[in-house]
Amino acid sequence: MTAGLVQHWLDSGRLEMPLPASGRTAERWQRLASLAEDDIAAARIAEAHVDAVAILHELGGKPPDSNQLWGVWAAEAPDAVLKATSVGGGAYTLSGTKVWCSGAGFCTHALVTARLDDGERGLFAVSLYDPGIKALPTTWWNAGMAGSDTRPVQFTNAQAVAVGDPGAYLDRPGFWHGGIGVAACWLGGARRVAEPLYRCAAAESADAYSLAHLGAVDAALAAGEAMLTVAAAQVDSDPFDRAESAQLLAHRTRAIVEHAADEAITRTGRALGPGPLCQDGRHAQRVADLSIYIRQSHAERDLATLGRLAGRQR
């Protein structure tokens, strides 16, 4: 279902979005949020695709063809290392295992980070039709985000093309702009998760407790929307991050939106009880999906980073 929906979005042009820092960043993030309101797991795949388009633009890579669906596989683990070996002329081969590869079974291409001989991290474009690339059996047990088909992928002398200089993937301002795009998807998912609470509060039978829960959720969602608007304006006014504030902006925005998602999940459940979670399959899936998706945040570790960055401003 997820693959089919993302393909429909791709074919219909819904994934053709303004680039970040192009003067239309707010529109980009609003459209990502709208996709997540439709389907959270599919929006996870769509966000990675449009991020890949932006990365290729920023680092001078070849733009994707219109029929290609790209993933961005940048997670790393100590026990699963992907190594890049130069074969000359800007070409490389990749060998090893890449973890947390979303869309492993249905993306056509991917941007993949791998370690060079000197240990530095490079970014590489690969075609997933390469016979040296094989998605491994899933180890995913949670119902949340199961539709994203996230699993390990094995590379064996797979052909790859370097994108940008070593280290450029992380060093560019667009890395942080992309992180805010993820938060836009979180916000769209949170809005949809909170819908049953809005409906309940609109009924004449709504009690003070339900209204109080909705008040808290509505305020948190409004704060997330306002922060995304402010962040978009700041990104567009300083696309190259000359003020060196992009990392702070990303952590601040993600923290505010993550709080809104937590409020939507927790307070909708507390106000309405187990009924929607047990008897409304679509709502239950959205809650499960969003609960997993916001764990792309590193929780208190990200808050500690935010605190350090905010403290330097004073």
C-alpha atoms as a PDB file:
ATOM      1  CA  MET A   1       0.000   0.000   0.000  1.00  0.00           C
ATOM      2  CA  THR A   2       2.776   2.462   0.917  1.00  0.00           C
ATOM      3  CA  ALA A   3       4.732   1.774  -2.259  1.00  0.00           C
ATOM      4  CA  GLY A   4       1.635   2.228  -4.416  1.00  0.00           C
ATOM      5  CA  LEU A   5       0.681   5.507  -2.750  1.00  0.00           C
ATOM      6  CA  VAL A   6       4.173   6.960  -3.062  1.00  0.00           C
ATOM      7  CA  GLN A   7       4.276   5.901  -6.712  1.00  0.00           C
ATOM      8  CA  HIS A   8       0.939   7.650  -7.248  1.00  0.00           C
ATOM      9  CA  TRP A   9       2.320  10.827  -5.672  1.00  0.00           C
ATOM     10  CA  LEU A  10       5.408  10.563  -7.873  1.00  0.00           C
ATOM     11  CA  ASP A  11       3.401  10.014 -11.059  1.00  0.00           C
ATOM     12  CA  SER A  12       0.922  12.797 -10.279  1.00  0.00           C
ATOM     13  CA  GLY A  13       3.612  15.395  -9.564  1.00  0.00           C
ATOM     14  CA  ARG A  14       2.937  15.795  -5.840  1.00  0.00           C
ATOM     15  CA  LEU A  15       6.616  15.159  -5.116  1.00  0.00           C
ATOM     16  CA  GLU A  16       7.750  18.017  -7.350  1.00  0.00           C
ATOM     17  CA  MET A  17       8.395  20.596  -4.642  1.00  0.00           C
ATOM     18  CA  PRO A  18      10.267  23.878  -4.296  1.00  0.00           C
ATOM     19  CA  LEU A  19      13.829  23.372  -3.137  1.00  0.00           C
ATOM     20  CA  PRO A  20      14.695  24.394   0.425  1.00  0.00           C
ATOM     21  CA  ALA A  21      16.131  27.924   0.741  1.00  0.00           C
ATOM     22  CA  SER A  22      14.656  28.806  -2.659  1.00  0.00           C
ATOM     23  CA  GLY A  23      12.282  31.484  -1.365  1.00  0.00           C
ATOM     24  CA  ARG A  24       9.415  28.992  -1.159  1.00  0.00           C
ATOM     25  CA  THR A  25      10.529  26.891   1.790  1.00  0.00           C
ATOM     26  CA  ALA A  26       7.267  27.410   3.675  1.00  0.00           C
ATOM     27  CA  GLU A  27       5.360  25.959   0.718  1.00  0.00           C
ATOM     28  CA  ARG A  28       7.689  22.955   0.612  1.00  0.00           C
ATOM     29  CA  TRP A  29       7.138  22.176   4.275  1.00  0.00           C
ATOM     30  CA  GLN A  30       3.388  22.752   4.074  1.00  0.00           C
ATOM     31  CA  ARG A  31       3.215  20.234   1.250  1.00  0.00           C
ATOM     32  CA  LEU A  32       5.263  17.692   3.194  1.00  0.00           C
ATOM     33  CA  ALA A  33       2.917  18.126   6.166  1.00  0.00           C
ATOM     34  CA  SER A  34      -0.052  17.596   3.869  1.00  0.00           C
ATOM     35  CA  LEU A  35       1.414  14.304   2.612  1.00  0.00           C
ATOM     36  CA  ALA A  36       1.823  13.103   6.204  1.00  0.00           C
ATOM     37  CA  GLU A  37      -1.805  13.976   6.911  1.00  0.00           C
ATOM     38  CA  ASP A  38      -2.677  11.580   4.087  1.00  0.00           C
ATOM     39  CA  ASP A  39      -0.335   8.777   5.165  1.00  0.00           C
ATOM     40  CA  ILE A  40       2.551   8.989   7.630  1.00  0.00           C
ATOM     41  CA  ALA A  41       4.608   6.034   6.403  1.00  0.00           C
ATOM     42  CA  ALA A  42       4.285   7.080   2.761  1.00  0.00           C
ATOM     43  CA  ALA A  43       5.263  10.632   3.696  1.00  0.00           C
ATOM     44  CA  ARG A  44       8.425   9.236   5.300  1.00  0.00           C
ATOM     45  CA  ILE A  45       9.422   7.798   1.924  1.00  0.00           C
ATOM     46  CA  ALA A  46       8.329  10.924   0.038  1.00  0.00           C
ATOM     47  CA  GLU A  47      10.336  13.195   2.338  1.00  0.00           C
ATOM     48  CA  ALA A  48      13.480  11.159   1.695  1.00  0.00           C
ATOM     49  CA  HIS A  49      12.919  11.373  -2.067  1.00  0.00           C
ATOM     50  CA  VAL A  50      12.498  15.145  -2.120  1.00  0.00           C
ATOM     51  CA  ASP A  51      15.480  15.451   0.242  1.00  0.00           C
ATOM     52  CA  ALA A  52      17.554  13.418  -2.222  1.00  0.00           C
ATOM     53  CA  VAL A  53      16.519  15.793  -5.013  1.00  0.00           C
ATOM     54  CA  ALA A  54      17.685  18.744  -2.890  1.00  0.00           C
ATOM     55  CA  ILE A  55      20.957  17.054  -1.930  1.00  0.00           C
ATOM     56  CA  LEU A  56      21.812  16.266  -5.548  1.00  0.00           C
ATOM     57  CA  HIS A  57      21.073  19.883  -6.483  1.00  0.00           C
ATOM     58  CA  GLU A  58      23.203  21.274  -3.664  1.00  0.00           C
ATOM     59  CA  LEU A  59      26.177  18.964  -4.234  1.00  0.00           C
ATOM     60  CA  GLY A  60      26.201  19.035  -8.028  1.00  0.00           C
ATOM     61  CA  GLY A  61      24.875  15.542  -8.653  1.00  0.00           C
ATOM     62  CA  LYS A  62      22.845  14.459 -11.654  1.00  0.00           C
ATOM     63  CA  PRO A  63      19.143  15.315 -11.125  1.00  0.00           C
ATOM     64  CA  PRO A  64      16.843  12.287 -10.792  1.00  0.00           C
ATOM     65  CA  ASP A  65      14.724  11.223 -13.727  1.00  0.00           C
ATOM     66  CA  SER A  66      10.998  11.732 -13.305  1.00  0.00           C
ATOM     67  CA  ASN A  67      10.292   8.008 -12.939  1.00  0.00           C
ATOM     68  CA  GLN A  68      12.916   7.392 -10.246  1.00  0.00           C
ATOM     69  CA  LEU A  69      12.162   7.106  -6.522  1.00  0.00           C
ATOM     70  CA  TRP A  70      15.164   7.891  -4.336  1.00  0.00           C
ATOM     71  CA  GLY A  71      15.993   7.017  -0.755  1.00  0.00           C
ATOM     72  CA  VAL A  72      18.572   8.607   1.528  1.00  0.00           C
ATOM     73  CA  TRP A  73      20.379   5.944   3.534  1.00  0.00           C
ATOM     74  CA  ALA A  74      22.710   7.744   5.914  1.00  0.00           C
ATOM     75  CA  ALA A  75      22.318   5.864   9.203  1.00  0.00           C
ATOM     76  CA  GLU A  76      25.434   4.124  10.479  1.00  0.00           C
ATOM     77  CA  ALA A  77      26.079   1.488  13.125  1.00  0.00           C
ATOM     78  CA  PRO A  78      29.332   0.188  14.632  1.00  0.00           C
ATOM     79  CA  ASP A  79      28.520  -3.396  13.661  1.00  0.00           C
ATOM     80  CA  ALA A  80      27.379  -2.608  10.099  1.00  0.00           C
ATOM     81  CA  VAL A  81      29.944  -0.690   8.083  1.00  0.00           C
ATOM     82  CA  LEU A  82      29.684   0.192   4.407  1.00  0.00           C
ATOM     83  CA  LYS A  83      33.051   0.835   2.758  1.00  0.00           C
ATOM     84  CA  ALA A  84      33.776   2.723  -0.456  1.00  0.00           C
ATOM     85  CA  THR A  85      36.698   1.821  -2.734  1.00  0.00           C
ATOM     86  CA  SER A  86      37.786   4.094  -5.562  1.00  0.00           C
ATOM     87  CA  VAL A  87      38.097   2.501  -8.998  1.00  0.00           C
ATOM     88  CA  GLY A  88      39.049   5.753 -10.749  1.00  0.00           C
ATOM     89  CA  GLY A  89      37.285   8.482 -12.656  1.00  0.00           C
ATOM     90  CA  GLY A  90      34.973   9.382  -9.772  1.00  0.00           C
ATOM     91  CA  ALA A  91      33.592   5.845  -9.699  1.00  0.00           C
ATOM     92  CA  TYR A  92      33.550   3.652  -6.597  1.00  0.00           C
ATOM     93  CA  THR A  93      32.426   0.278  -5.438  1.00  0.00           C
ATOM     94  CA  LEU A  94      30.564  -0.206  -2.168  1.00  0.00           C
ATOM     95  CA  SER A  95      30.766  -3.294   0.030  1.00  0.00           C
ATOM     96  CA  GLY A  96      29.262  -4.023   3.414  1.00  0.00           C
ATOM     97  CA  THR A  97      25.901  -3.592   5.112  1.00  0.00           C
ATOM     98  CA  LYS A  98      23.769  -0.478   5.399  1.00  0.00           C
ATOM     99  CA  VAL A  99      21.161  -0.388   8.178  1.00  0.00           C
ATOM    100  CA  TRP A 100      17.824   1.448   8.479  1.00  0.00           C
ATOM    101  CA  CYS A 101      17.226   1.616   4.717  1.00  0.00           C
ATOM    102  CA  SER A 102      13.665   2.878   4.208  1.00  0.00           C
ATOM    103  CA  GLY A 103      12.000   1.875   0.962  1.00  0.00           C
ATOM    104  CA  ALA A 104      14.539  -0.921   0.568  1.00  0.00           C
ATOM    105  CA  GLY A 105      12.161  -3.039  -1.493  1.00  0.00           C
ATOM    106  CA  PHE A 106      10.674  -0.385  -3.779  1.00  0.00           C
ATOM    107  CA  CYS A 107      13.009   2.615  -4.174  1.00  0.00           C
ATOM    108  CA  THR A 108      14.837   2.645  -7.526  1.00  0.00           C
ATOM    109  CA  HIS A 109      17.902   4.644  -6.420  1.00  0.00           C
ATOM    110  CA  ALA A 110      19.503   5.864  -3.221  1.00  0.00           C
ATOM    111  CA  LEU A 111      22.024   8.272  -1.807  1.00  0.00           C
ATOM    112  CA  VAL A 112      24.181   6.258   0.573  1.00  0.00           C
ATOM    113  CA  THR A 113      26.899   7.274   3.020  1.00  0.00           C
ATOM    114  CA  ALA A 114      29.967   5.043   3.174  1.00  0.00           C
ATOM    115  CA  ARG A 115      33.419   5.169   4.721  1.00  0.00           C
ATOM    116  CA  LEU A 116      36.444   5.921   2.569  1.00  0.00           C
ATOM    117  CA  ASP A 117      39.873   4.401   3.141  1.00  0.00           C
ATOM    118  CA  ASP A 118      40.879   7.311   5.379  1.00  0.00           C
ATOM    119  CA  GLY A 119      37.759   6.866   7.498  1.00  0.00           C
ATOM    120  CA  GLU A 120      36.007   9.978   6.221  1.00  0.00           C
ATOM    121  CA  ARG A 121      32.349   9.746   5.254  1.00  0.00           C
ATOM    122  CA  GLY A 122      31.440  10.110   1.591  1.00  0.00           C
ATOM    123  CA  LEU A 123      28.073  10.262  -0.139  1.00  0.00           C
ATOM    124  CA  PHE A 124      27.344   8.045  -3.140  1.00  0.00           C
ATOM    125  CA  ALA A 125      24.552   7.609  -5.665  1.00  0.00           C
ATOM    126  CA  VAL A 126      23.551   4.035  -6.483  1.00  0.00           C
ATOM    127  CA  SER A 127      21.005   2.308  -8.654  1.00  0.00           C
ATOM    128  CA  LEU A 128      19.154  -0.314  -6.657  1.00  0.00           C
ATOM    129  CA  TYR A 129      18.900  -2.441  -9.787  1.00  0.00           C
ATOM    130  CA  ASP A 130      22.625  -3.179  -9.373  1.00  0.00           C
ATOM    131  CA  PRO A 131      23.019  -6.955  -8.865  1.00  0.00           C
ATOM    132  CA  GLY A 132      25.484  -6.238  -6.068  1.00  0.00           C
ATOM    133  CA  ILE A 133      22.774  -4.622  -3.930  1.00  0.00           C
ATOM    134  CA  LYS A 134      20.390  -6.887  -2.029  1.00  0.00           C
ATOM    135  CA  ALA A 135      17.754  -5.993   0.550  1.00  0.00           C
ATOM    136  CA  LEU A 136      18.061  -8.414   3.472  1.00  0.00           C
ATOM    137  CA  PRO A 137      15.105 -10.026   5.273  1.00  0.00           C
ATOM    138  CA  THR A 138      13.254  -7.620   7.492  1.00  0.00           C
ATOM    139  CA  THR A 139      13.892  -7.497  11.227  1.00  0.00           C
ATOM    140  CA  TRP A 140      11.014  -5.048  11.789  1.00  0.00           C
ATOM    141  CA  TRP A 141       8.551  -6.229  14.443  1.00  0.00           C
ATOM    142  CA  ASN A 142       6.646  -3.041  15.233  1.00  0.00           C
ATOM    143  CA  ALA A 143       3.387  -2.222  13.430  1.00  0.00           C
ATOM    144  CA  GLY A 144       4.458   1.421  13.439  1.00  0.00           C
ATOM    145  CA  MET A 145       6.087   2.475  10.137  1.00  0.00           C
ATOM    146  CA  ALA A 146       6.056  -1.127   8.931  1.00  0.00           C
ATOM    147  CA  GLY A 147       4.866   0.194   5.574  1.00  0.00           C
ATOM    148  CA  SER A 148       8.126   2.088   5.107  1.00  0.00           C
ATOM    149  CA  ASP A 149       9.901  -1.244   4.402  1.00  0.00           C
ATOM    150  CA  THR A 150      12.938  -0.274   6.474  1.00  0.00           C
ATOM    151  CA  ARG A 151      15.565  -3.028   6.626  1.00  0.00           C
ATOM    152  CA  PRO A 152      19.276  -3.727   6.155  1.00  0.00           C
ATOM    153  CA  VAL A 153      20.751  -3.783   2.669  1.00  0.00           C
ATOM    154  CA  GLN A 154      23.832  -5.754   1.652  1.00  0.00           C
ATOM    155  CA  PHE A 155      26.303  -4.255  -0.864  1.00  0.00           C
ATOM    156  CA  THR A 156      28.826  -6.438  -2.699  1.00  0.00           C
ATOM    157  CA  ASN A 157      31.097  -4.494  -5.064  1.00  0.00           C
ATOM    158  CA  ALA A 158      28.127  -2.354  -6.040  1.00  0.00           C
ATOM    159  CA  GLN A 159      28.829   0.429  -8.511  1.00  0.00           C
ATOM    160  CA  ALA A 160      28.505   3.941  -7.099  1.00  0.00           C
ATOM    161  CA  VAL A 161      29.185   7.546  -8.076  1.00  0.00           C
ATOM    162  CA  ALA A 162      30.520  10.043  -5.538  1.00  0.00           C
ATOM    163  CA  VAL A 163      28.233  13.011  -4.859  1.00  0.00           C
ATOM    164  CA  GLY A 164      30.126  16.058  -3.607  1.00  0.00           C
ATOM    165  CA  ASP A 165      33.397  16.068  -1.734  1.00  0.00           C
ATOM    166  CA  PRO A 166      33.977  13.815   1.293  1.00  0.00           C
ATOM    167  CA  GLY A 167      32.181  15.268   4.304  1.00  0.00           C
ATOM    168  CA  ALA A 168      30.066  17.637   2.207  1.00  0.00           C
ATOM    169  CA  TYR A 169      26.816  15.807   2.965  1.00  0.00           C
ATOM    170  CA  LEU A 170      26.986  16.770   6.640  1.00  0.00           C
ATOM    171  CA  ASP A 171      28.750  20.110   6.268  1.00  0.00           C
ATOM    172  CA  ARG A 172      26.219  21.822   3.996  1.00  0.00           C
ATOM    173  CA  PRO A 173      23.434  24.038   5.437  1.00  0.00           C
ATOM    174  CA  GLY A 174      20.922  21.871   3.573  1.00  0.00           C
ATOM    175  CA  PHE A 175      21.567  19.025   6.000  1.00  0.00           C
ATOM    176  CA  TRP A 176      19.810  21.052   8.695  1.00  0.00           C
ATOM    177  CA  HIS A 177      17.149  22.327   6.299  1.00  0.00           C
ATOM    178  CA  GLY A 178      16.331  18.699   5.514  1.00  0.00           C
ATOM    179  CA  GLY A 179      16.021  17.928   9.207  1.00  0.00           C
ATOM    180  CA  ILE A 180      13.314  20.568   9.479  1.00  0.00           C
ATOM    181  CA  GLY A 181      11.512  18.968   6.533  1.00  0.00           C
ATOM    182  CA  VAL A 182      11.239  15.799   8.614  1.00  0.00           C
ATOM    183  CA  ALA A 183       9.631  17.866  11.388  1.00  0.00           C
ATOM    184  CA  ALA A 184       7.074  19.168   8.878  1.00  0.00           C
ATOM    185  CA  CYS A 185       6.019  15.561   8.291  1.00  0.00           C
ATOM    186  CA  TRP A 186       5.802  14.983  12.045  1.00  0.00           C
ATOM    187  CA  LEU A 187       3.465  17.978  12.302  1.00  0.00           C
ATOM    188  CA  GLY A 188       1.195  16.721   9.548  1.00  0.00           C
ATOM    189  CA  GLY A 189       1.009  13.336  11.237  1.00  0.00           C
ATOM    190  CA  ALA A 190       0.245  14.955  14.582  1.00  0.00           C
ATOM    191  CA  ARG A 191      -2.619  16.930  13.110  1.00  0.00           C
ATOM    192  CA  ARG A 192      -4.182  13.742  11.774  1.00  0.00           C
ATOM    193  CA  VAL A 193      -3.673  11.842  15.030  1.00  0.00           C
ATOM    194  CA  ALA A 194      -5.484  14.648  16.880  1.00  0.00           C
ATOM    195  CA  GLU A 195      -8.518  14.636  14.562  1.00  0.00           C
ATOM    196  CA  PRO A 196     -10.656  12.331  16.774  1.00  0.00           C
ATOM    197  CA  LEU A 197     -10.053  14.676  19.706  1.00  0.00           C
ATOM    198  CA  TYR A 198     -11.178  17.689  17.669  1.00  0.00           C
ATOM    199  CA  ARG A 199     -14.325  15.803  16.653  1.00  0.00           C
ATOM    200  CA  CYS A 200     -15.019  14.810  20.253  1.00  0.00           C
ATOM    201  CA  ALA A 201     -14.611  18.373  21.519  1.00  0.00           C
ATOM    202  CA  ALA A 202     -17.030  19.660  18.872  1.00  0.00           C
ATOM    203  CA  ALA A 203     -19.824  17.448  20.241  1.00  0.00           C
ATOM    204  CA  GLU A 204     -22.298  18.855  22.757  1.00  0.00           C
ATOM    205  CA  SER A 205     -21.460  15.995  25.098  1.00  0.00           C
ATOM    206  CA  ALA A 206     -17.771  16.991  25.362  1.00  0.00           C
ATOM    207  CA  ASP A 207     -16.684  17.360  28.980  1.00  0.00           C
ATOM    208  CA  ALA A 208     -14.187  19.769  30.497  1.00  0.00           C
ATOM    209  CA  TYR A 209     -11.418  17.168  30.496  1.00  0.00           C
ATOM    210  CA  SER A 210     -11.680  16.530  26.771  1.00  0.00           C
ATOM    211  CA  LEU A 211     -11.736  20.265  26.102  1.00  0.00           C
ATOM    212  CA  ALA A 212      -8.678  20.788  28.283  1.00  0.00           C
ATOM    213  CA  HIS A 213      -6.795  18.046  26.456  1.00  0.00           C
ATOM    214  CA  LEU A 214      -7.740  19.577  23.109  1.00  0.00           C
ATOM    215  CA  GLY A 215      -6.679  23.018  24.307  1.00  0.00           C
ATOM    216  CA  ALA A 216      -3.226  21.706  25.118  1.00  0.00           C
ATOM    217  CA  VAL A 217      -2.956  19.849  21.813  1.00  0.00           C
ATOM    218  CA  ASP A 218      -4.217  22.781  19.776  1.00  0.00           C
ATOM    219  CA  ALA A 219      -1.720  25.136  21.412  1.00  0.00           C
ATOM    220  CA  ALA A 220       1.148  22.718  20.768  1.00  0.00           C
ATOM    221  CA  LEU A 221       0.154  22.240  17.125  1.00  0.00           C
ATOM    222  CA  ALA A 222      -0.150  26.000  16.643  1.00  0.00           C
ATOM    223  CA  ALA A 223       3.307  26.450  18.153  1.00  0.00           C
ATOM    224  CA  GLY A 224       4.708  23.875  15.747  1.00  0.00           C
ATOM    225  CA  GLU A 225       3.077  25.560  12.767  1.00  0.00           C
ATOM    226  CA  ALA A 226       4.347  28.980  13.861  1.00  0.00           C
ATOM    227  CA  MET A 227       7.876  27.667  14.365  1.00  0.00           C
ATOM    228  CA  LEU A 228       7.922  26.124  10.903  1.00  0.00           C
ATOM    229  CA  THR A 229       6.787  29.449   9.420  1.00  0.00           C
ATOM    230  CA  VAL A 230       9.528  31.323  11.264  1.00  0.00           C
ATOM    231  CA  ALA A 231      12.119  28.720  10.311  1.00  0.00           C
ATOM    232  CA  ALA A 232      11.140  28.854   6.623  1.00  0.00           C
ATOM    233  CA  ALA A 233      11.522  32.621   6.558  1.00  0.00           C
ATOM    234  CA  GLN A 234      14.923  32.400   8.241  1.00  0.00           C
ATOM    235  CA  VAL A 235      16.144  29.694   5.843  1.00  0.00           C
ATOM    236  CA  ASP A 236      15.034  31.716   2.817  1.00  0.00           C
ATOM    237  CA  SER A 237      16.694  34.882   4.136  1.00  0.00           C
ATOM    238  CA  ASP A 238      20.018  33.107   4.797  1.00  0.00           C
ATOM    239  CA  PRO A 239      20.213  30.157   2.380  1.00  0.00           C
ATOM    240  CA  PHE A 240      23.962  29.656   2.841  1.00  0.00           C
ATOM    241  CA  ASP A 241      23.765  29.913   6.644  1.00  0.00           C
ATOM    242  CA  ARG A 242      26.164  32.828   6.893  1.00  0.00           C
ATOM    243  CA  ALA A 243      24.804  33.466  10.392  1.00  0.00           C
ATOM    244  CA  GLU A 244      25.700  29.869  11.323  1.00  0.00           C
ATOM    245  CA  SER A 245      22.290  29.394  12.901  1.00  0.00           C
ATOM    246  CA  ALA A 246      20.891  26.528  10.787  1.00  0.00           C
ATOM    247  CA  GLN A 247      21.780  23.811  13.307  1.00  0.00           C
ATOM    248  CA  LEU A 248      20.193  25.736  16.175  1.00  0.00           C
ATOM    249  CA  LEU A 249      17.110  26.444  14.075  1.00  0.00           C
ATOM    250  CA  ALA A 250      16.734  22.778  13.141  1.00  0.00           C
ATOM    251  CA  HIS A 251      17.075  21.501  16.703  1.00  0.00           C
ATOM    252  CA  ARG A 252      14.698  24.159  18.031  1.00  0.00           C
ATOM    253  CA  THR A 253      12.054  23.453  15.386  1.00  0.00           C
ATOM    254  CA  ARG A 254      12.300  19.697  15.771  1.00  0.00           C
ATOM    255  CA  ALA A 255      11.989  19.967  19.564  1.00  0.00           C
ATOM    256  CA  ILE A 256       8.847  22.083  19.333  1.00  0.00           C
ATOM    257  CA  VAL A 257       7.212  19.859  16.728  1.00  0.00           C
ATOM    258  CA  GLU A 258       8.187  16.667  18.551  1.00  0.00           C
ATOM    259  CA  HIS A 259       6.468  18.072  21.651  1.00  0.00           C
ATOM    260  CA  ALA A 260       3.351  18.743  19.570  1.00  0.00           C
ATOM    261  CA  ALA A 261       3.384  15.156  18.289  1.00  0.00           C
ATOM    262  CA  ASP A 262       3.811  13.801  21.820  1.00  0.00           C
ATOM    263  CA  GLU A 263       0.902  15.944  23.008  1.00  0.00           C
ATOM    264  CA  ALA A 264      -1.320  14.754  20.148  1.00  0.00           C
ATOM    265  CA  ILE A 265      -0.552  11.085  20.806  1.00  0.00           C
ATOM    266  CA  THR A 266      -0.762  11.207  24.596  1.00  0.00           C
ATOM    267  CA  ARG A 267      -3.665  13.578  25.128  1.00  0.00           C
ATOM    268  CA  THR A 268      -5.865  12.105  22.400  1.00  0.00           C
ATOM    269  CA  GLY A 269      -5.434   8.718  24.053  1.00  0.00           C
ATOM    270  CA  ARG A 270      -6.055  10.061  27.562  1.00  0.00           C
ATOM    271  CA  ALA A 271      -9.155  11.984  26.495  1.00  0.00           C
ATOM    272  CA  LEU A 272     -10.787   9.283  24.377  1.00  0.00           C
ATOM    273  CA  GLY A 273      -9.637   6.102  26.080  1.00  0.00           C
ATOM    274  CA  PRO A 274      -8.952   2.831  24.254  1.00  0.00           C
ATOM    275  CA  GLY A 275     -11.892   3.007  21.846  1.00  0.00           C
ATOM    276  CA  PRO A 276     -10.256   4.732  18.841  1.00  0.00           C
ATOM    277  CA  LEU A 277      -7.004   2.821  19.346  1.00  0.00           C
ATOM    278  CA  CYS A 278      -8.809  -0.534  19.397  1.00  0.00           C
ATOM    279  CA  GLN A 279     -11.740   0.015  17.042  1.00  0.00           C
ATOM    280  CA  ASP A 280     -10.473   2.486  14.439  1.00  0.00           C
ATOM    281  CA  GLY A 281      -7.751   0.749  12.450  1.00  0.00           C
ATOM    282  CA  ARG A 282      -6.660   3.845  10.559  1.00  0.00           C
ATOM    283  CA  HIS A 283      -6.282   5.896  13.730  1.00  0.00           C
ATOM    284  CA  ALA A 284      -4.416   3.085  15.475  1.00  0.00           C
ATOM    285  CA  GLN A 285      -2.007   2.850  12.522  1.00  0.00           C
ATOM    286  CA  ARG A 286      -1.404   6.602  12.505  1.00  0.00           C
ATOM    287  CA  VAL A 287      -0.592   6.578  16.213  1.00  0.00           C
ATOM    288  CA  ALA A 288       1.768   3.645  15.760  1.00  0.00           C
ATOM    289  CA  ASP A 289       3.434   5.260  12.733  1.00  0.00           C
ATOM    290  CA  LEU A 290       3.900   8.655  14.350  1.00  0.00           C
ATOM    291  CA  SER A 291       5.199   7.123  17.579  1.00  0.00           C
ATOM    292  CA  ILE A 292       7.992   5.430  15.628  1.00  0.00           C
ATOM    293  CA  TYR A 293       8.623   8.315  13.225  1.00  0.00           C
ATOM    294  CA  ILE A 294       9.348  10.877  15.943  1.00  0.00           C
ATOM    295  CA  ARG A 295      11.993   8.551  17.310  1.00  0.00           C
ATOM    296  CA  GLN A 296      14.177   9.876  14.519  1.00  0.00           C
ATOM    297  CA  SER A 297      14.691  12.493  17.191  1.00  0.00           C
ATOM    298  CA  HIS A 298      17.360  11.554  19.697  1.00  0.00           C
ATOM    299  CA  ALA A 299      15.210  12.829  22.576  1.00  0.00           C
ATOM    300  CA  GLU A 300      17.239  14.216  25.487  1.00  0.00           C
ATOM    301  CA  ARG A 301      20.463  14.020  23.483  1.00  0.00           C
ATOM    302  CA  ASP A 302      18.991  16.430  20.942  1.00  0.00           C
ATOM    303  CA  LEU A 303      17.697  18.638  23.744  1.00  0.00           C
ATOM    304  CA  ALA A 304      21.192  18.722  25.234  1.00  0.00           C
ATOM    305  CA  THR A 305      22.566  19.778  21.852  1.00  0.00           C
ATOM    306  CA  LEU A 306      19.869  22.441  21.613  1.00  0.00           C
ATOM    307  CA  GLY A 307      20.791  23.692  25.078  1.00  0.00           C
ATOM    308  CA  ARG A 308      24.453  23.939  24.142  1.00  0.00           C
ATOM    309  CA  LEU A 309      23.699  25.807  20.903  1.00  0.00           C
ATOM    310  CA  ALA A 310      21.201  28.133  22.570  1.00  0.00           C
ATOM    311  CA  GLY A 311      23.653  28.892  25.364  1.00  0.00           C
ATOM    312  CA  ARG A 312      26.258  30.036  22.859  1.00  0.00           C
ATOM    313  CA  GLN A 313      23.847  32.652  21.547  1.00  0.00           C
ATOM    314  CA  ARG A 314      23.786  34.522  24.823  1.00  0.00           C
END
